């Protein structure tokens, strides 16, 4: 017997998102941590309050720095403070169980960043109540045993945005941009790049010819006079506009950086 496709879609949606009732009686789309797909988003700390509803001083933003959680393969990573922090976690219904966390041992000039590390590590370890809300602005709320509330805003990961894990490649980026011809942008200046490959032992395998790159590398800021080798993720772009590229490059990390003149 063939089931109506609309019914199949509706049933799938009900599995992904539970419908609960808010205190005012209105319907609220709220799921559990296991239903929204924590690994599909970067989670940036939006607010942190104690059981009395007061802001937790040590977890307030410092300049443009915000704490970020990333979940993948049973591991949660924390960035945005002084050190990288991470550990294993398990999720069950509305509970996250975070195992003891490990962190790097860098010392930062701004003591507040180190306090930020200590404050988030203290609150993440152990059993947390976890609630998510999907939609255009996904949210993750974690509640500690003593009632502290950490509210995170979700941003889709590149894998979520492009629908694949992407492929890893390396570019050497020349110190200076160069003129490049573009039918819609007069006097366009492009990055000059050449692809690099590396052997398993990390030595340089090969490098291609210099070519203009007619698009930006997302997350990369070019400083004139600085030569960089960058590791990027390459993604296929589905249904790009007629004047746009069918691929996207996202910065993964800067491997080498050298000032060679301006």
C-alpha atoms as a PDB file:
ATOM      1  CA  UNK A   1       0.000   0.000   0.000  1.00  0.00           C
ATOM      2  CA  UNK A   2       1.367   3.416  -0.930  1.00  0.00           C
ATOM      3  CA  UNK A   3       1.184   6.107   1.702  1.00  0.00           C
ATOM      4  CA  UNK A   4       0.338   9.674   0.754  1.00  0.00           C
ATOM      5  CA  UNK A   5       3.630  11.650   0.559  1.00  0.00           C
ATOM      6  CA  UNK A   6       2.114  14.564   2.501  1.00  0.00           C
ATOM      7  CA  UNK A   7       1.339  12.210   5.386  1.00  0.00           C
ATOM      8  CA  UNK A   8       4.891  10.853   5.313  1.00  0.00           C
ATOM      9  CA  UNK A   9       6.301  14.394   5.470  1.00  0.00           C
ATOM     10  CA  UNK A  10       3.965  15.324   8.326  1.00  0.00           C
ATOM     11  CA  UNK A  11       4.900  12.238  10.290  1.00  0.00           C
ATOM     12  CA  UNK A  12       8.613  12.959   9.818  1.00  0.00           C
ATOM     13  CA  UNK A  13       8.168  16.538  10.972  1.00  0.00           C
ATOM     14  CA  UNK A  14       6.423  15.370  14.125  1.00  0.00           C
ATOM     15  CA  UNK A  15       9.341  13.077  14.926  1.00  0.00           C
ATOM     16  CA  UNK A  16      11.864  15.912  14.514  1.00  0.00           C
ATOM     17  CA  UNK A  17       9.972  18.580  16.420  1.00  0.00           C
ATOM     18  CA  UNK A  18       7.691  18.163  19.386  1.00  0.00           C
ATOM     19  CA  UNK A  19       4.811  20.560  19.884  1.00  0.00           C
ATOM     20  CA  UNK A  20       4.374  21.731  23.447  1.00  0.00           C
ATOM     21  CA  UNK A  21       2.234  24.330  25.116  1.00  0.00           C
ATOM     22  CA  UNK A  22       3.721  27.503  26.536  1.00  0.00           C
ATOM     23  CA  UNK A  23       2.571  28.905  29.911  1.00  0.00           C
ATOM     24  CA  UNK A  24       0.272  31.352  28.140  1.00  0.00           C
ATOM     25  CA  UNK A  25      -1.497  28.495  26.350  1.00  0.00           C
ATOM     26  CA  UNK A  26       0.017  29.099  22.916  1.00  0.00           C
ATOM     27  CA  UNK A  27       1.746  26.406  20.916  1.00  0.00           C
ATOM     28  CA  UNK A  28       5.541  26.492  21.075  1.00  0.00           C
ATOM     29  CA  UNK A  29       7.819  24.492  18.735  1.00  0.00           C
ATOM     30  CA  UNK A  30      10.309  23.031  21.162  1.00  0.00           C
ATOM     31  CA  UNK A  31      12.387  19.903  20.712  1.00  0.00           C
ATOM     32  CA  UNK A  32      14.976  18.033  22.714  1.00  0.00           C
ATOM     33  CA  UNK A  33      18.718  18.140  22.258  1.00  0.00           C
ATOM     34  CA  UNK A  34      18.633  14.835  20.406  1.00  0.00           C
ATOM     35  CA  UNK A  35      15.993  15.971  17.893  1.00  0.00           C
ATOM     36  CA  UNK A  36      17.337  19.204  16.446  1.00  0.00           C
ATOM     37  CA  UNK A  37      20.785  17.889  15.504  1.00  0.00           C
ATOM     38  CA  UNK A  38      23.275  19.712  17.699  1.00  0.00           C
ATOM     39  CA  UNK A  39      26.094  19.001  15.245  1.00  0.00           C
ATOM     40  CA  UNK A  40      24.266  20.901  12.486  1.00  0.00           C
ATOM     41  CA  UNK A  41      24.969  24.270  14.135  1.00  0.00           C
ATOM     42  CA  UNK A  42      27.609  26.421  15.758  1.00  0.00           C
ATOM     43  CA  UNK A  43      26.132  27.477  19.128  1.00  0.00           C
ATOM     44  CA  UNK A  44      27.110  30.984  20.312  1.00  0.00           C
ATOM     45  CA  UNK A  45      26.394  32.024  23.882  1.00  0.00           C
ATOM     46  CA  UNK A  46      23.696  34.715  23.787  1.00  0.00           C
ATOM     47  CA  UNK A  47      22.984  35.073  27.526  1.00  0.00           C
ATOM     48  CA  UNK A  48      23.952  33.520  30.849  1.00  0.00           C
ATOM     49  CA  UNK A  49      21.872  34.046  33.975  1.00  0.00           C
ATOM     50  CA  UNK A  50      21.808  32.545  37.450  1.00  0.00           C
ATOM     51  CA  UNK A  51      18.843  31.015  39.259  1.00  0.00           C
ATOM     52  CA  UNK A  52      17.660  34.525  40.236  1.00  0.00           C
ATOM     53  CA  UNK A  53      17.699  35.651  36.620  1.00  0.00           C
ATOM     54  CA  UNK A  54      20.764  37.865  37.081  1.00  0.00           C
ATOM     55  CA  UNK A  55      23.569  37.942  34.486  1.00  0.00           C
ATOM     56  CA  UNK A  56      26.576  35.768  35.328  1.00  0.00           C
ATOM     57  CA  UNK A  57      29.412  38.303  35.276  1.00  0.00           C
ATOM     58  CA  UNK A  58      32.182  35.888  34.232  1.00  0.00           C
ATOM     59  CA  UNK A  59      30.222  34.761  31.151  1.00  0.00           C
ATOM     60  CA  UNK A  60      29.431  38.163  29.678  1.00  0.00           C
ATOM     61  CA  UNK A  61      30.936  39.001  26.248  1.00  0.00           C
ATOM     62  CA  UNK A  62      34.442  40.460  26.215  1.00  0.00           C
ATOM     63  CA  UNK A  63      34.704  42.794  23.246  1.00  0.00           C
ATOM     64  CA  UNK A  64      33.628  40.877  20.147  1.00  0.00           C
ATOM     65  CA  UNK A  65      34.487  37.500  21.708  1.00  0.00           C
ATOM     66  CA  UNK A  66      31.650  35.091  22.424  1.00  0.00           C
ATOM     67  CA  UNK A  67      31.797  31.539  23.660  1.00  0.00           C
ATOM     68  CA  UNK A  68      30.910  28.931  21.045  1.00  0.00           C
ATOM     69  CA  UNK A  69      29.976  25.272  21.394  1.00  0.00           C
ATOM     70  CA  UNK A  70      30.486  22.770  18.577  1.00  0.00           C
ATOM     71  CA  UNK A  71      29.177  19.203  18.759  1.00  0.00           C
ATOM     72  CA  UNK A  72      30.527  16.356  16.618  1.00  0.00           C
ATOM     73  CA  UNK A  73      30.817  12.588  16.999  1.00  0.00           C
ATOM     74  CA  UNK A  74      30.017  12.593  20.715  1.00  0.00           C
ATOM     75  CA  UNK A  75      32.474  15.394  21.461  1.00  0.00           C
ATOM     76  CA  UNK A  76      31.730  18.981  22.478  1.00  0.00           C
ATOM     77  CA  UNK A  77      34.298  21.712  21.873  1.00  0.00           C
ATOM     78  CA  UNK A  78      34.354  25.175  23.432  1.00  0.00           C
ATOM     79  CA  UNK A  79      36.069  28.163  21.823  1.00  0.00           C
ATOM     80  CA  UNK A  80      36.045  31.928  22.290  1.00  0.00           C
ATOM     81  CA  UNK A  81      37.883  32.166  25.604  1.00  0.00           C
ATOM     82  CA  UNK A  82      41.599  31.858  26.235  1.00  0.00           C
ATOM     83  CA  UNK A  83      41.952  28.101  25.680  1.00  0.00           C
ATOM     84  CA  UNK A  84      40.367  25.370  23.625  1.00  0.00           C
ATOM     85  CA  UNK A  85      38.174  23.198  25.826  1.00  0.00           C
ATOM     86  CA  UNK A  86      36.567  19.885  24.973  1.00  0.00           C
ATOM     87  CA  UNK A  87      35.232  16.585  26.182  1.00  0.00           C
ATOM     88  CA  UNK A  88      32.826  13.765  25.433  1.00  0.00           C
ATOM     89  CA  UNK A  89      29.096  14.000  25.958  1.00  0.00           C
ATOM     90  CA  UNK A  90      26.013  11.804  25.806  1.00  0.00           C
ATOM     91  CA  UNK A  91      22.482  12.964  25.105  1.00  0.00           C
ATOM     92  CA  UNK A  92      19.220  11.369  26.109  1.00  0.00           C
ATOM     93  CA  UNK A  93      15.859  13.045  25.642  1.00  0.00           C
ATOM     94  CA  UNK A  94      16.192  16.416  27.433  1.00  0.00           C
ATOM     95  CA  UNK A  95      19.483  15.654  29.164  1.00  0.00           C
ATOM     96  CA  UNK A  96      23.106  16.200  28.209  1.00  0.00           C
ATOM     97  CA  UNK A  97      25.742  14.376  30.242  1.00  0.00           C
ATOM     98  CA  UNK A  98      29.119  16.078  29.717  1.00  0.00           C
ATOM     99  CA  UNK A  99      32.174  14.119  30.830  1.00  0.00           C
ATOM    100  CA  UNK A 100      35.182  15.817  32.507  1.00  0.00           C
ATOM    101  CA  UNK A 101      36.595  18.457  30.176  1.00  0.00           C
ATOM    102  CA  UNK A 102      40.186  18.889  29.002  1.00  0.00           C
ATOM    103  CA  UNK A 103      41.726  22.161  27.875  1.00  0.00           C
ATOM    104  CA  UNK A 104      44.913  23.639  26.497  1.00  0.00           C
ATOM    105  CA  UNK A 105      47.149  25.492  28.937  1.00  0.00           C
ATOM    106  CA  UNK A 106      47.745  28.852  27.327  1.00  0.00           C
ATOM    107  CA  UNK A 107      48.059  31.966  29.478  1.00  0.00           C
ATOM    108  CA  UNK A 108      46.302  35.067  28.153  1.00  0.00           C
ATOM    109  CA  UNK A 109      47.199  38.659  28.955  1.00  0.00           C
ATOM    110  CA  UNK A 110      43.529  39.418  29.546  1.00  0.00           C
ATOM    111  CA  UNK A 111      42.721  37.561  32.758  1.00  0.00           C
ATOM    112  CA  UNK A 112      39.016  37.819  31.994  1.00  0.00           C
ATOM    113  CA  UNK A 113      39.411  35.299  29.164  1.00  0.00           C
ATOM    114  CA  UNK A 114      40.882  32.759  31.564  1.00  0.00           C
ATOM    115  CA  UNK A 115      38.018  33.443  33.986  1.00  0.00           C
ATOM    116  CA  UNK A 116      35.663  32.848  31.066  1.00  0.00           C
ATOM    117  CA  UNK A 117      37.242  29.430  30.496  1.00  0.00           C
ATOM    118  CA  UNK A 118      36.840  28.467  34.146  1.00  0.00           C
ATOM    119  CA  UNK A 119      33.235  29.695  34.318  1.00  0.00           C
ATOM    120  CA  UNK A 120      32.019  27.787  31.255  1.00  0.00           C
ATOM    121  CA  UNK A 121      33.931  24.584  32.106  1.00  0.00           C
ATOM    122  CA  UNK A 122      32.451  24.583  35.610  1.00  0.00           C
ATOM    123  CA  UNK A 123      28.909  24.863  34.261  1.00  0.00           C
ATOM    124  CA  UNK A 124      29.199  22.448  31.331  1.00  0.00           C
ATOM    125  CA  UNK A 125      30.497  19.423  33.200  1.00  0.00           C
ATOM    126  CA  UNK A 126      27.968  16.929  34.524  1.00  0.00           C
ATOM    127  CA  UNK A 127      24.260  16.577  33.831  1.00  0.00           C
ATOM    128  CA  UNK A 128      22.454  19.450  32.128  1.00  0.00           C
ATOM    129  CA  UNK A 129      18.831  19.914  31.172  1.00  0.00           C
ATOM    130  CA  UNK A 130      18.805  20.712  27.473  1.00  0.00           C
ATOM    131  CA  UNK A 131      16.026  22.227  25.370  1.00  0.00           C
ATOM    132  CA  UNK A 132      16.144  23.337  21.757  1.00  0.00           C
ATOM    133  CA  UNK A 133      13.943  25.478  19.557  1.00  0.00           C
ATOM    134  CA  UNK A 134      14.198  25.179  15.813  1.00  0.00           C
ATOM    135  CA  UNK A 135      13.067  27.520  13.063  1.00  0.00           C
ATOM    136  CA  UNK A 136      14.763  30.544  11.509  1.00  0.00           C
ATOM    137  CA  UNK A 137      16.639  31.263  14.760  1.00  0.00           C
ATOM    138  CA  UNK A 138      17.558  27.950  16.417  1.00  0.00           C
ATOM    139  CA  UNK A 139      18.214  28.146  20.153  1.00  0.00           C
ATOM    140  CA  UNK A 140      19.774  25.803  22.667  1.00  0.00           C
ATOM    141  CA  UNK A 141      19.147  26.283  26.380  1.00  0.00           C
ATOM    142  CA  UNK A 142      21.271  24.457  28.940  1.00  0.00           C
ATOM    143  CA  UNK A 143      20.270  24.505  32.609  1.00  0.00           C
ATOM    144  CA  UNK A 144      22.766  23.423  35.268  1.00  0.00           C
ATOM    145  CA  UNK A 145      21.940  21.611  38.475  1.00  0.00           C
ATOM    146  CA  UNK A 146      22.014  24.856  40.476  1.00  0.00           C
ATOM    147  CA  UNK A 147      19.671  26.646  38.063  1.00  0.00           C
ATOM    148  CA  UNK A 148      22.106  28.638  35.913  1.00  0.00           C
ATOM    149  CA  UNK A 149      20.726  29.117  32.386  1.00  0.00           C
ATOM    150  CA  UNK A 150      22.928  29.309  29.306  1.00  0.00           C
ATOM    151  CA  UNK A 151      21.125  30.364  26.130  1.00  0.00           C
ATOM    152  CA  UNK A 152      22.878  29.734  22.795  1.00  0.00           C
ATOM    153  CA  UNK A 153      21.972  30.954  19.304  1.00  0.00           C
ATOM    154  CA  UNK A 154      22.523  28.504  16.447  1.00  0.00           C
ATOM    155  CA  UNK A 155      24.277  29.273  13.173  1.00  0.00           C
ATOM    156  CA  UNK A 156      24.269  26.532  10.494  1.00  0.00           C
ATOM    157  CA  UNK A 157      27.636  24.878   9.942  1.00  0.00           C
ATOM    158  CA  UNK A 158      29.039  24.869   6.396  1.00  0.00           C
ATOM    159  CA  UNK A 159      28.080  21.202   6.124  1.00  0.00           C
ATOM    160  CA  UNK A 160      24.482  22.152   6.905  1.00  0.00           C
ATOM    161  CA  UNK A 161      24.494  25.127   4.551  1.00  0.00           C
ATOM    162  CA  UNK A 162      25.930  23.258   1.576  1.00  0.00           C
ATOM    163  CA  UNK A 163      24.636  19.760   2.269  1.00  0.00           C
ATOM    164  CA  UNK A 164      27.994  17.989   2.250  1.00  0.00           C
ATOM    165  CA  UNK A 165      31.206  17.620   4.235  1.00  0.00           C
ATOM    166  CA  UNK A 166      33.157  19.427   1.509  1.00  0.00           C
ATOM    167  CA  UNK A 167      36.685  18.612   0.374  1.00  0.00           C
ATOM    168  CA  UNK A 168      39.934  19.861   1.899  1.00  0.00           C
ATOM    169  CA  UNK A 169      42.516  21.671  -0.195  1.00  0.00           C
ATOM    170  CA  UNK A 170      45.435  24.063   0.275  1.00  0.00           C
ATOM    171  CA  UNK A 171      46.058  27.440  -1.360  1.00  0.00           C
ATOM    172  CA  UNK A 172      49.149  29.596  -1.308  1.00  0.00           C
ATOM    173  CA  UNK A 173      47.899  33.184  -1.420  1.00  0.00           C
ATOM    174  CA  UNK A 174      50.212  35.778  -2.988  1.00  0.00           C
ATOM    175  CA  UNK A 175      51.078  38.910  -0.977  1.00  0.00           C
ATOM    176  CA  UNK A 176      49.320  41.279  -3.359  1.00  0.00           C
ATOM    177  CA  UNK A 177      46.052  41.233  -5.237  1.00  0.00           C
ATOM    178  CA  UNK A 178      46.241  41.645  -9.009  1.00  0.00           C
ATOM    179  CA  UNK A 179      43.939  43.088 -11.689  1.00  0.00           C
ATOM    180  CA  UNK A 180      41.534  40.522 -13.125  1.00  0.00           C
ATOM    181  CA  UNK A 181      38.922  40.800 -15.813  1.00  0.00           C
ATOM    182  CA  UNK A 182      35.266  40.636 -14.795  1.00  0.00           C
ATOM    183  CA  UNK A 183      32.340  41.537 -17.083  1.00  0.00           C
ATOM    184  CA  UNK A 184      30.316  43.167 -14.280  1.00  0.00           C
ATOM    185  CA  UNK A 185      32.999  44.630 -11.992  1.00  0.00           C
ATOM    186  CA  UNK A 186      35.359  47.187 -13.535  1.00  0.00           C
ATOM    187  CA  UNK A 187      38.907  47.431 -12.159  1.00  0.00           C
ATOM    188  CA  UNK A 188      38.460  44.247 -10.164  1.00  0.00           C
ATOM    189  CA  UNK A 189      41.375  43.101  -8.004  1.00  0.00           C
ATOM    190  CA  UNK A 190      41.597  39.365  -7.311  1.00  0.00           C
ATOM    191  CA  UNK A 191      43.563  37.260  -4.896  1.00  0.00           C
ATOM    192  CA  UNK A 192      46.286  35.288  -6.656  1.00  0.00           C
ATOM    193  CA  UNK A 193      46.441  31.677  -5.524  1.00  0.00           C
ATOM    194  CA  UNK A 194      48.075  28.411  -6.433  1.00  0.00           C
ATOM    195  CA  UNK A 195      46.994  25.043  -5.169  1.00  0.00           C
ATOM    196  CA  UNK A 196      49.338  22.998  -3.029  1.00  0.00           C
ATOM    197  CA  UNK A 197      49.372  19.312  -2.161  1.00  0.00           C
ATOM    198  CA  UNK A 198      51.216  17.664   0.702  1.00  0.00           C
ATOM    199  CA  UNK A 199      52.595  14.184   1.291  1.00  0.00           C
ATOM    200  CA  UNK A 200      51.478  12.128   4.288  1.00  0.00           C
ATOM    201  CA  UNK A 201      54.595  13.204   6.222  1.00  0.00           C
ATOM    202  CA  UNK A 202      53.652  16.873   5.759  1.00  0.00           C
ATOM    203  CA  UNK A 203      56.253  17.757   3.126  1.00  0.00           C
ATOM    204  CA  UNK A 204      55.253  19.754   0.064  1.00  0.00           C
ATOM    205  CA  UNK A 205      54.155  17.431  -2.708  1.00  0.00           C
ATOM    206  CA  UNK A 206      53.330  19.753  -5.595  1.00  0.00           C
ATOM    207  CA  UNK A 207      52.062  23.218  -6.388  1.00  0.00           C
ATOM    208  CA  UNK A 208      50.123  24.529  -9.332  1.00  0.00           C
ATOM    209  CA  UNK A 209      50.345  27.698 -11.388  1.00  0.00           C
ATOM    210  CA  UNK A 210      49.352  31.101 -10.068  1.00  0.00           C
ATOM    211  CA  UNK A 211      45.766  31.946 -10.962  1.00  0.00           C
ATOM    212  CA  UNK A 212      43.317  34.723 -10.074  1.00  0.00           C
ATOM    213  CA  UNK A 213      40.592  33.740  -7.638  1.00  0.00           C
ATOM    214  CA  UNK A 214      37.394  35.505  -8.701  1.00  0.00           C
ATOM    215  CA  UNK A 215      35.742  35.156  -5.301  1.00  0.00           C
ATOM    216  CA  UNK A 216      36.551  35.549  -1.635  1.00  0.00           C
ATOM    217  CA  UNK A 217      37.570  32.817   0.767  1.00  0.00           C
ATOM    218  CA  UNK A 218      34.943  33.007   3.479  1.00  0.00           C
ATOM    219  CA  UNK A 219      36.523  33.767   6.847  1.00  0.00           C
ATOM    220  CA  UNK A 220      39.840  34.882   5.321  1.00  0.00           C
ATOM    221  CA  UNK A 221      41.050  38.482   5.606  1.00  0.00           C
ATOM    222  CA  UNK A 222      43.878  39.349   3.251  1.00  0.00           C
ATOM    223  CA  UNK A 223      46.574  41.746   4.494  1.00  0.00           C
ATOM    224  CA  UNK A 224      48.549  43.301   1.619  1.00  0.00           C
ATOM    225  CA  UNK A 225      52.193  42.317   1.766  1.00  0.00           C
ATOM    226  CA  UNK A 226      51.549  39.043   3.591  1.00  0.00           C
ATOM    227  CA  UNK A 227      51.911  35.665   1.908  1.00  0.00           C
ATOM    228  CA  UNK A 228      49.749  32.942   3.400  1.00  0.00           C
ATOM    229  CA  UNK A 229      49.239  29.231   2.955  1.00  0.00           C
ATOM    230  CA  UNK A 230      45.683  28.365   3.941  1.00  0.00           C
ATOM    231  CA  UNK A 231      43.724  25.180   4.341  1.00  0.00           C
ATOM    232  CA  UNK A 232      40.232  25.588   2.974  1.00  0.00           C
ATOM    233  CA  UNK A 233      37.060  23.575   2.591  1.00  0.00           C
ATOM    234  CA  UNK A 234      35.597  23.515  -0.895  1.00  0.00           C
ATOM    235  CA  UNK A 235      31.833  23.113  -1.247  1.00  0.00           C
ATOM    236  CA  UNK A 236      29.587  22.759  -4.271  1.00  0.00           C
ATOM    237  CA  UNK A 237      26.920  25.484  -4.400  1.00  0.00           C
ATOM    238  CA  UNK A 238      23.537  24.218  -5.509  1.00  0.00           C
ATOM    239  CA  UNK A 239      21.694  26.394  -8.023  1.00  0.00           C
ATOM    240  CA  UNK A 240      24.041  29.429  -7.875  1.00  0.00           C
ATOM    241  CA  UNK A 241      22.964  32.712  -9.523  1.00  0.00           C
ATOM    242  CA  UNK A 242      24.032  33.112 -13.123  1.00  0.00           C
ATOM    243  CA  UNK A 243      26.855  35.532 -12.209  1.00  0.00           C
ATOM    244  CA  UNK A 244      28.089  33.563  -9.167  1.00  0.00           C
ATOM    245  CA  UNK A 245      30.484  30.670  -8.695  1.00  0.00           C
ATOM    246  CA  UNK A 246      29.297  27.087  -8.431  1.00  0.00           C
ATOM    247  CA  UNK A 247      31.796  26.462  -5.604  1.00  0.00           C
ATOM    248  CA  UNK A 248      32.477  28.126  -2.255  1.00  0.00           C
ATOM    249  CA  UNK A 249      35.748  28.233  -0.320  1.00  0.00           C
ATOM    250  CA  UNK A 250      35.759  28.513   3.476  1.00  0.00           C
ATOM    251  CA  UNK A 251      38.871  29.097   5.556  1.00  0.00           C
ATOM    252  CA  UNK A 252      39.743  26.143   7.765  1.00  0.00           C
ATOM    253  CA  UNK A 253      43.077  27.381   9.088  1.00  0.00           C
ATOM    254  CA  UNK A 254      46.149  29.471   8.204  1.00  0.00           C
ATOM    255  CA  UNK A 255      49.070  27.063   7.836  1.00  0.00           C
ATOM    256  CA  UNK A 256      51.854  29.567   7.071  1.00  0.00           C
ATOM    257  CA  UNK A 257      52.075  33.344   7.197  1.00  0.00           C
ATOM    258  CA  UNK A 258      54.980  35.502   6.063  1.00  0.00           C
ATOM    259  CA  UNK A 259      55.316  39.274   5.663  1.00  0.00           C
ATOM    260  CA  UNK A 260      57.210  39.864   2.423  1.00  0.00           C
ATOM    261  CA  UNK A 261      56.753  43.609   1.879  1.00  0.00           C
ATOM    262  CA  UNK A 262      54.081  46.095   0.979  1.00  0.00           C
END
